Amino acid sequence: MKFETNELFSRMFEKWYWQIAENNFSKNEMLIIMALAQNLEADENGRLYAWRSREELAQLTGMTTGSVSSAIHRLTKPNPAKGRNIRGLELKSAGHRNRCSVYYVMPDTPIEVKLLDNKNPHNGKPKARKRKRTDTDQAAEPERELTPTETAEKLGL
């Protein structure tokens, strides 16, 4: 029984698709990576990580929790004998006391992610300084249209 959701399975990087295809990941392993890739966050070093509970992953992918656990276990270790030279997941922090485990997604295939700094949202570009207005700037500006009361005052009425 598959669980129907409206969630997309497309928030992955093209570089990851090629690595998954070249390294013989199973269908279940690909589904786990795609489900985790929907909730990606970047740490201070630009590495991408995600978490979801195994029950939620099982519901989302239509697998049992046991097959989710075994797929996660296979993803954390490279297996050159099967043609897999990279890991799909790396444990960032283990889950305990009803918390989910946090995994780095595709740790052997780095993606450069530009993080937005809260102080400067332009990715390191300096803010343009506003220069002070002078009298010459005001003279260069086009004249605005006067209101009827301003026109009457100017004409002395």
N, C-alpha and C. Protein backbone atom coordinates (compact mmCIF):
# COMPACT_ATOMS: atom_id res chain seq x y z
N MET A 1 0.84 -1.17 0.00
CA MET A 1 0.00 0.00 0.00
C MET A 1 0.89 1.24 0.00
N LYS A 2 0.74 2.06 -1.01
CA LYS A 2 1.53 3.28 -1.10
C LYS A 2 0.73 4.44 -0.54
N PHE A 3 1.44 5.33 0.13
CA PHE A 3 0.83 6.50 0.73
C PHE A 3 0.88 7.63 -0.28
N GLU A 4 -0.26 8.20 -0.61
CA GLU A 4 -0.32 9.26 -1.60
C GLU A 4 -0.13 10.62 -0.93
N THR A 5 0.82 11.38 -1.42
CA THR A 5 1.03 12.74 -0.91
C THR A 5 1.14 13.69 -2.09
N ASN A 6 1.11 14.95 -1.80
CA ASN A 6 1.30 15.96 -2.83
C ASN A 6 2.71 16.50 -2.81
N GLU A 7 3.63 15.81 -2.14
CA GLU A 7 5.00 16.29 -2.05
C GLU A 7 5.76 15.94 -3.33
N LEU A 8 6.65 16.82 -3.72
CA LEU A 8 7.44 16.61 -4.93
C LEU A 8 8.68 15.78 -4.62
N PHE A 9 9.11 15.00 -5.58
CA PHE A 9 10.36 14.25 -5.45
C PHE A 9 11.39 14.83 -6.41
N SER A 10 11.48 16.13 -6.52
CA SER A 10 12.35 16.71 -7.53
C SER A 10 13.36 17.69 -6.98
N ARG A 11 13.47 17.82 -5.67
CA ARG A 11 14.38 18.83 -5.12
C ARG A 11 15.76 18.22 -4.93
N MET A 12 16.37 17.79 -6.02
CA MET A 12 17.71 17.23 -5.97
C MET A 12 18.57 17.95 -6.99
N PHE A 13 19.86 17.84 -6.78
CA PHE A 13 20.80 18.46 -7.69
C PHE A 13 21.13 17.49 -8.82
N GLU A 14 21.36 18.03 -10.01
CA GLU A 14 21.65 17.19 -11.16
C GLU A 14 22.90 16.34 -10.94
N LYS A 15 23.86 16.91 -10.27
CA LYS A 15 25.09 16.18 -9.98
C LYS A 15 24.78 14.92 -9.16
N TRP A 16 23.82 14.99 -8.27
CA TRP A 16 23.44 13.83 -7.45
C TRP A 16 22.78 12.76 -8.30
N TYR A 17 21.94 13.16 -9.26
CA TYR A 17 21.30 12.17 -10.13
C TYR A 17 22.35 11.33 -10.86
N TRP A 18 23.38 11.99 -11.39
CA TRP A 18 24.43 11.27 -12.10
C TRP A 18 25.18 10.33 -11.17
N GLN A 19 25.48 10.77 -9.96
CA GLN A 19 26.18 9.91 -9.01
C GLN A 19 25.33 8.70 -8.60
N ILE A 20 24.04 8.91 -8.43
CA ILE A 20 23.15 7.80 -8.09
C ILE A 20 23.11 6.79 -9.24
N ALA A 21 23.03 7.28 -10.47
CA ALA A 21 22.97 6.38 -11.63
C ALA A 21 24.27 5.61 -11.81
N GLU A 22 25.41 6.27 -11.60
CA GLU A 22 26.71 5.63 -11.81
C GLU A 22 27.07 4.64 -10.71
N ASN A 23 26.50 4.78 -9.52
CA ASN A 23 26.93 3.97 -8.39
C ASN A 23 25.92 2.90 -7.98
N ASN A 24 25.01 2.56 -8.87
CA ASN A 24 24.11 1.41 -8.67
C ASN A 24 23.34 1.44 -7.36
N PHE A 25 22.71 2.55 -7.04
CA PHE A 25 21.84 2.58 -5.87
C PHE A 25 20.56 1.83 -6.19
N SER A 26 20.00 1.15 -5.22
CA SER A 26 18.74 0.43 -5.43
C SER A 26 17.58 1.42 -5.46
N LYS A 27 16.42 0.90 -5.84
CA LYS A 27 15.22 1.75 -5.91
C LYS A 27 14.88 2.31 -4.53
N ASN A 28 14.96 1.47 -3.50
CA ASN A 28 14.63 1.93 -2.15
C ASN A 28 15.62 3.00 -1.68
N GLU A 29 16.88 2.83 -1.99
CA GLU A 29 17.89 3.82 -1.59
C GLU A 29 17.66 5.14 -2.29
N MET A 30 17.29 5.09 -3.58
CA MET A 30 17.00 6.32 -4.31
C MET A 30 15.79 7.04 -3.70
N LEU A 31 14.76 6.28 -3.33
CA LEU A 31 13.57 6.89 -2.74
C LEU A 31 13.90 7.56 -1.41
N ILE A 32 14.77 6.93 -0.61
CA ILE A 32 15.15 7.52 0.68
C ILE A 32 15.90 8.83 0.46
N ILE A 33 16.84 8.85 -0.48
CA ILE A 33 17.60 10.07 -0.75
C ILE A 33 16.67 11.17 -1.27
N MET A 34 15.75 10.82 -2.16
CA MET A 34 14.82 11.82 -2.69
C MET A 34 13.91 12.37 -1.60
N ALA A 35 13.44 11.50 -0.71
CA ALA A 35 12.56 11.97 0.37
C ALA A 35 13.32 12.88 1.33
N LEU A 36 14.57 12.55 1.62
CA LEU A 36 15.36 13.40 2.51
C LEU A 36 15.73 14.72 1.83
N ALA A 37 15.90 14.69 0.50
CA ALA A 37 16.31 15.89 -0.23
C ALA A 37 15.23 16.96 -0.24
N GLN A 38 14.00 16.62 0.13
CA GLN A 38 12.94 17.62 0.17
C GLN A 38 13.13 18.61 1.32
N ASN A 39 13.83 18.20 2.37
CA ASN A 39 13.98 19.05 3.55
C ASN A 39 15.43 19.44 3.78
N LEU A 40 16.15 19.75 2.75
CA LEU A 40 17.57 20.06 2.90
C LEU A 40 17.80 21.38 3.61
N GLU A 41 18.82 21.38 4.44
CA GLU A 41 19.32 22.60 5.07
C GLU A 41 20.83 22.58 4.94
N ALA A 42 21.44 23.73 5.02
CA ALA A 42 22.89 23.82 4.91
C ALA A 42 23.47 24.24 6.25
N ASP A 43 24.60 23.64 6.61
CA ASP A 43 25.27 24.05 7.84
C ASP A 43 26.23 25.19 7.53
N GLU A 44 27.01 25.60 8.53
CA GLU A 44 27.89 26.76 8.34
C GLU A 44 29.00 26.50 7.33
N ASN A 45 29.29 25.22 7.02
CA ASN A 45 30.32 24.89 6.04
C ASN A 45 29.74 24.67 4.65
N GLY A 46 28.45 24.79 4.51
CA GLY A 46 27.81 24.60 3.21
C GLY A 46 27.43 23.15 2.92
N ARG A 47 27.62 22.24 3.87
CA ARG A 47 27.23 20.84 3.67
C ARG A 47 25.72 20.72 3.89
N LEU A 48 25.09 19.91 3.07
CA LEU A 48 23.63 19.78 3.12
C LEU A 48 23.22 18.60 3.98
N TYR A 49 22.26 18.83 4.86
CA TYR A 49 21.78 17.76 5.74
C TYR A 49 20.26 17.81 5.81
N ALA A 50 19.69 16.67 6.26
CA ALA A 50 18.23 16.57 6.38
C ALA A 50 17.88 15.52 7.41
N TRP A 51 16.63 15.55 7.86
CA TRP A 51 16.15 14.52 8.78
C TRP A 51 14.67 14.29 8.55
N ARG A 52 14.26 13.08 8.79
CA ARG A 52 12.86 12.66 8.82
C ARG A 52 12.81 11.40 9.65
N SER A 53 11.70 11.14 10.29
CA SER A 53 11.58 9.91 11.07
C SER A 53 11.47 8.72 10.12
N ARG A 54 11.86 7.56 10.60
CA ARG A 54 11.79 6.36 9.75
C ARG A 54 10.35 6.01 9.43
N GLU A 55 9.45 6.27 10.35
CA GLU A 55 8.03 6.01 10.08
C GLU A 55 7.52 6.92 8.96
N GLU A 56 7.94 8.18 9.01
CA GLU A 56 7.52 9.12 7.96
C GLU A 56 8.13 8.74 6.62
N LEU A 57 9.40 8.33 6.62
CA LEU A 57 10.03 7.88 5.38
C LEU A 57 9.32 6.64 4.84
N ALA A 58 8.96 5.72 5.72
CA ALA A 58 8.26 4.51 5.29
C ALA A 58 6.90 4.85 4.69
N GLN A 59 6.19 5.76 5.31
CA GLN A 59 4.88 6.18 4.81
C GLN A 59 5.01 6.90 3.47
N LEU A 60 6.01 7.74 3.35
CA LEU A 60 6.21 8.54 2.14
C LEU A 60 6.63 7.70 0.95
N THR A 61 7.47 6.68 1.19
CA THR A 61 8.01 5.88 0.09
C THR A 61 7.24 4.59 -0.15
N GLY A 62 6.34 4.22 0.76
CA GLY A 62 5.58 3.00 0.58
C GLY A 62 6.34 1.75 0.99
N MET A 63 7.35 1.89 1.83
CA MET A 63 8.14 0.75 2.31
C MET A 63 7.81 0.50 3.77
N THR A 64 8.31 -0.61 4.29
CA THR A 64 8.17 -0.87 5.72
C THR A 64 9.30 -0.17 6.46
N THR A 65 9.15 0.01 7.77
CA THR A 65 10.21 0.67 8.54
C THR A 65 11.48 -0.17 8.55
N GLY A 66 11.35 -1.49 8.47
CA GLY A 66 12.53 -2.35 8.41
C GLY A 66 13.32 -2.16 7.13
N SER A 67 12.62 -2.04 6.00
CA SER A 67 13.33 -1.83 4.74
C SER A 67 13.91 -0.42 4.67
N VAL A 68 13.26 0.55 5.32
CA VAL A 68 13.84 1.90 5.40
C VAL A 68 15.14 1.86 6.20
N SER A 69 15.13 1.14 7.33
CA SER A 69 16.33 1.04 8.17
C SER A 69 17.47 0.36 7.42
N SER A 70 17.16 -0.72 6.70
CA SER A 70 18.23 -1.41 5.97
C SER A 70 18.74 -0.57 4.80
N ALA A 71 17.86 0.19 4.15
CA ALA A 71 18.31 1.07 3.06
C ALA A 71 19.20 2.18 3.60
N ILE A 72 18.85 2.74 4.75
CA ILE A 72 19.68 3.78 5.37
C ILE A 72 21.03 3.20 5.76
N HIS A 73 21.02 1.98 6.30
CA HIS A 73 22.28 1.33 6.69
C HIS A 73 23.17 1.11 5.46
N ARG A 74 22.58 0.67 4.33
CA ARG A 74 23.37 0.47 3.11
C ARG A 74 23.88 1.79 2.55
N LEU A 75 23.09 2.86 2.71
CA LEU A 75 23.50 4.16 2.16
C LEU A 75 24.67 4.78 2.93
N THR A 76 24.86 4.39 4.18
CA THR A 76 25.93 5.00 4.98
C THR A 76 27.29 4.37 4.72
N LYS A 77 27.35 3.28 3.94
CA LYS A 77 28.64 2.62 3.69
C LYS A 77 28.86 2.44 2.20
N PRO A 78 30.05 2.78 1.69
CA PRO A 78 30.33 2.49 0.29
C PRO A 78 30.56 0.99 0.13
N ASN A 79 30.27 0.47 -1.04
CA ASN A 79 30.46 -0.94 -1.31
C ASN A 79 31.10 -1.10 -2.68
N PRO A 80 32.46 -1.05 -2.76
CA PRO A 80 33.12 -1.15 -4.06
C PRO A 80 32.86 -2.48 -4.76
N ALA A 81 32.55 -3.54 -4.01
CA ALA A 81 32.27 -4.83 -4.64
C ALA A 81 31.02 -4.76 -5.52
N LYS A 82 30.08 -3.92 -5.17
CA LYS A 82 28.86 -3.76 -5.96
C LYS A 82 28.93 -2.55 -6.88
N GLY A 83 30.10 -1.96 -7.02
CA GLY A 83 30.26 -0.81 -7.91
C GLY A 83 29.88 0.51 -7.29
N ARG A 84 29.73 0.55 -5.97
CA ARG A 84 29.35 1.78 -5.29
C ARG A 84 30.57 2.34 -4.57
N ASN A 85 31.05 3.46 -5.05
CA ASN A 85 32.25 4.07 -4.48
C ASN A 85 31.95 5.28 -3.61
N ILE A 86 30.70 5.66 -3.49
CA ILE A 86 30.35 6.82 -2.67
C ILE A 86 29.28 6.43 -1.67
N ARG A 87 29.11 7.26 -0.66
CA ARG A 87 28.05 7.07 0.33
C ARG A 87 26.89 7.96 -0.04
N GLY A 88 25.71 7.49 0.25
CA GLY A 88 24.52 8.31 0.01
C GLY A 88 24.19 9.18 1.21
N LEU A 89 24.53 8.68 2.41
CA LEU A 89 24.24 9.40 3.65
C LEU A 89 25.43 9.28 4.59
N GLU A 90 25.59 10.28 5.43
CA GLU A 90 26.57 10.25 6.51
C GLU A 90 25.87 10.76 7.77
N LEU A 91 26.05 10.04 8.85
CA LEU A 91 25.38 10.41 10.09
C LEU A 91 25.97 11.70 10.65
N LYS A 92 25.13 12.69 10.86
CA LYS A 92 25.57 13.94 11.49
C LYS A 92 25.33 13.86 12.99
N SER A 93 24.14 13.46 13.38
CA SER A 93 23.85 13.25 14.80
C SER A 93 22.80 12.15 14.92
N ALA A 94 23.05 11.25 15.85
CA ALA A 94 22.17 10.10 16.03
C ALA A 94 20.89 10.53 16.74
N GLY A 95 19.82 9.87 16.40
CA GLY A 95 18.54 10.17 17.04
C GLY A 95 18.40 9.42 18.35
N HIS A 96 17.82 10.06 19.34
CA HIS A 96 17.54 9.44 20.63
C HIS A 96 16.43 10.22 21.30
N ARG A 97 15.72 9.56 22.20
CA ARG A 97 14.60 10.18 22.91
C ARG A 97 13.59 10.82 21.96
N ASN A 98 13.11 10.03 21.04
CA ASN A 98 12.10 10.46 20.08
C ASN A 98 12.56 11.55 19.12
N ARG A 99 13.84 11.68 18.92
CA ARG A 99 14.35 12.62 17.93
C ARG A 99 14.84 11.84 16.72
N CYS A 100 14.75 12.45 15.57
CA CYS A 100 15.19 11.80 14.33
C CYS A 100 16.70 11.91 14.19
N SER A 101 17.28 10.93 13.52
CA SER A 101 18.69 11.03 13.17
C SER A 101 18.85 12.08 12.08
N VAL A 102 19.97 12.80 12.11
CA VAL A 102 20.24 13.82 11.11
C VAL A 102 21.36 13.30 10.23
N TYR A 103 21.17 13.38 8.91
CA TYR A 103 22.13 12.83 7.96
C TYR A 103 22.61 13.91 7.00
N TYR A 104 23.91 13.86 6.68
CA TYR A 104 24.41 14.62 5.54
C TYR A 104 23.99 13.85 4.30
N VAL A 105 23.41 14.52 3.32
CA VAL A 105 22.94 13.87 2.10
C VAL A 105 24.04 13.97 1.05
N MET A 106 24.37 12.85 0.45
CA MET A 106 25.41 12.72 -0.59
C MET A 106 26.70 13.43 -0.15
N PRO A 107 27.33 12.98 0.93
CA PRO A 107 28.49 13.69 1.47
C PRO A 107 29.73 13.61 0.59
N ASP A 108 29.82 12.59 -0.26
CA ASP A 108 30.99 12.44 -1.13
C ASP A 108 30.84 13.18 -2.45
N THR A 109 29.72 13.83 -2.66
CA THR A 109 29.48 14.62 -3.86
C THR A 109 29.15 16.04 -3.41
N PRO A 110 30.17 16.86 -3.19
CA PRO A 110 29.90 18.20 -2.64
C PRO A 110 29.18 19.11 -3.64
N ILE A 111 28.31 19.89 -3.10
CA ILE A 111 27.57 20.91 -3.86
C ILE A 111 27.89 22.24 -3.21
N GLU A 112 28.28 23.21 -4.01
CA GLU A 112 28.56 24.53 -3.45
C GLU A 112 27.24 25.27 -3.25
N VAL A 113 26.96 25.56 -2.02
CA VAL A 113 25.74 26.27 -1.68
C VAL A 113 26.13 27.62 -1.11
N LYS A 114 25.57 28.68 -1.67
CA LYS A 114 25.84 30.01 -1.15
C LYS A 114 24.83 30.29 -0.05
N LEU A 115 25.33 30.52 1.13
CA LEU A 115 24.46 30.79 2.26
C LEU A 115 24.18 32.28 2.34
N LEU A 116 22.97 32.61 2.67
CA LEU A 116 22.62 34.01 2.86
C LEU A 116 22.99 34.44 4.26
N ASP A 117 23.74 35.49 4.36
CA ASP A 117 24.09 36.05 5.65
C ASP A 117 22.95 36.96 6.08
N ASN A 118 22.53 36.85 7.33
CA ASN A 118 21.41 37.67 7.80
C ASN A 118 21.74 39.15 7.76
N LYS A 119 23.00 39.49 7.98
CA LYS A 119 23.38 40.90 8.00
C LYS A 119 23.47 41.45 6.58
N ASN A 120 23.88 40.63 5.64
CA ASN A 120 24.05 41.08 4.28
C ASN A 120 23.38 40.08 3.35
N PRO A 121 22.15 40.30 2.93
CA PRO A 121 21.43 39.31 2.14
C PRO A 121 21.85 39.25 0.68
N HIS A 122 22.95 39.89 0.30
CA HIS A 122 23.37 39.90 -1.09
C HIS A 122 24.57 39.02 -1.33
N ASN A 123 24.75 37.97 -0.52
CA ASN A 123 25.83 37.00 -0.69
C ASN A 123 27.20 37.64 -0.79
N GLY A 124 27.53 38.49 0.13
CA GLY A 124 28.87 39.04 0.18
C GLY A 124 29.06 40.31 -0.62
N LYS A 125 28.08 40.72 -1.40
CA LYS A 125 28.23 41.95 -2.15
C LYS A 125 28.02 43.12 -1.19
N PRO A 126 28.91 44.09 -1.19
CA PRO A 126 28.73 45.21 -0.27
C PRO A 126 27.52 46.05 -0.68
N LYS A 127 26.89 46.60 0.31
CA LYS A 127 25.74 47.46 0.04
C LYS A 127 26.23 48.76 -0.59
N ALA A 128 25.47 49.27 -1.52
CA ALA A 128 25.80 50.55 -2.14
C ALA A 128 25.52 51.65 -1.12
N ARG A 129 26.48 52.51 -0.96
CA ARG A 129 26.30 53.60 0.00
C ARG A 129 25.47 54.71 -0.63
N LYS A 130 24.59 55.25 0.15
CA LYS A 130 23.81 56.38 -0.32
C LYS A 130 24.65 57.63 -0.12
N ARG A 131 24.75 58.41 -1.17
CA ARG A 131 25.52 59.64 -1.01
C ARG A 131 24.57 60.75 -0.59
N LYS A 132 25.16 61.71 0.05
CA LYS A 132 24.35 62.81 0.57
C LYS A 132 23.88 63.68 -0.58
N ARG A 133 22.68 64.19 -0.42
CA ARG A 133 22.13 65.07 -1.44
C ARG A 133 22.72 66.46 -1.28
N THR A 134 23.00 67.06 -2.38
CA THR A 134 23.52 68.43 -2.38
C THR A 134 22.55 69.33 -3.14
N ASP A 135 22.86 70.62 -3.12
CA ASP A 135 22.01 71.57 -3.83
C ASP A 135 22.04 71.34 -5.33
N THR A 136 23.18 70.90 -5.86
CA THR A 136 23.27 70.66 -7.30
C THR A 136 22.40 69.48 -7.71
N ASP A 137 22.25 68.49 -6.82
CA ASP A 137 21.37 67.36 -7.11
C ASP A 137 19.92 67.82 -7.20
N GLN A 138 19.54 68.71 -6.32
CA GLN A 138 18.17 69.19 -6.33
C GLN A 138 17.89 70.01 -7.57
N ALA A 139 18.89 70.74 -8.05
CA ALA A 139 18.71 71.54 -9.26
C ALA A 139 18.59 70.64 -10.48
N ALA A 140 19.24 69.49 -10.45
CA ALA A 140 19.21 68.59 -11.60
C ALA A 140 17.92 67.79 -11.68
N GLU A 141 17.18 67.71 -10.58
CA GLU A 141 15.94 66.94 -10.59
C GLU A 141 14.88 67.67 -11.41
N PRO A 142 14.03 66.94 -12.11
CA PRO A 142 12.95 67.60 -12.86
C PRO A 142 11.94 68.20 -11.89
N GLU A 143 11.37 69.29 -12.31
CA GLU A 143 10.41 69.96 -11.44
C GLU A 143 9.13 69.15 -11.37
N ARG A 144 8.59 69.08 -10.18
CA ARG A 144 7.34 68.35 -10.02
C ARG A 144 6.19 69.29 -10.31
N GLU A 145 5.07 68.71 -10.59
CA GLU A 145 3.89 69.51 -10.88
C GLU A 145 3.34 70.11 -9.59
N LEU A 146 3.02 71.38 -9.63
CA LEU A 146 2.52 72.07 -8.44
C LEU A 146 1.04 71.77 -8.22
N THR A 147 0.69 71.74 -6.96
CA THR A 147 -0.73 71.57 -6.62
C THR A 147 -1.45 72.90 -6.85
N PRO A 148 -2.76 72.89 -6.95
CA PRO A 148 -3.50 74.16 -7.18
C PRO A 148 -3.24 75.20 -6.10
N THR A 149 -3.11 74.80 -4.84
CA THR A 149 -2.86 75.80 -3.79
C THR A 149 -1.46 76.37 -3.92
N GLU A 150 -0.49 75.54 -4.29
CA GLU A 150 0.88 76.05 -4.48
C GLU A 150 0.95 76.99 -5.67
N THR A 151 0.20 76.69 -6.72
CA THR A 151 0.16 77.56 -7.90
C THR A 151 -0.45 78.92 -7.53
N ALA A 152 -1.50 78.91 -6.76
CA ALA A 152 -2.15 80.16 -6.34
C ALA A 152 -1.21 80.98 -5.48
N GLU A 153 -0.48 80.35 -4.57
CA GLU A 153 0.46 81.07 -3.72
C GLU A 153 1.60 81.66 -4.54
N LYS A 154 2.05 80.90 -5.54
CA LYS A 154 3.16 81.37 -6.36
C LYS A 154 2.73 82.58 -7.20
N LEU A 155 1.50 82.58 -7.66
CA LEU A 155 0.99 83.69 -8.46
C LEU A 155 0.52 84.85 -7.60
N GLY A 156 0.48 84.68 -6.29
CA GLY A 156 0.08 85.75 -5.39
C GLY A 156 -1.41 85.93 -5.29
N LEU A 157 -2.16 84.91 -5.54
CA LEU A 157 -3.63 85.02 -5.47
C LEU A 157 -4.15 84.66 -4.11
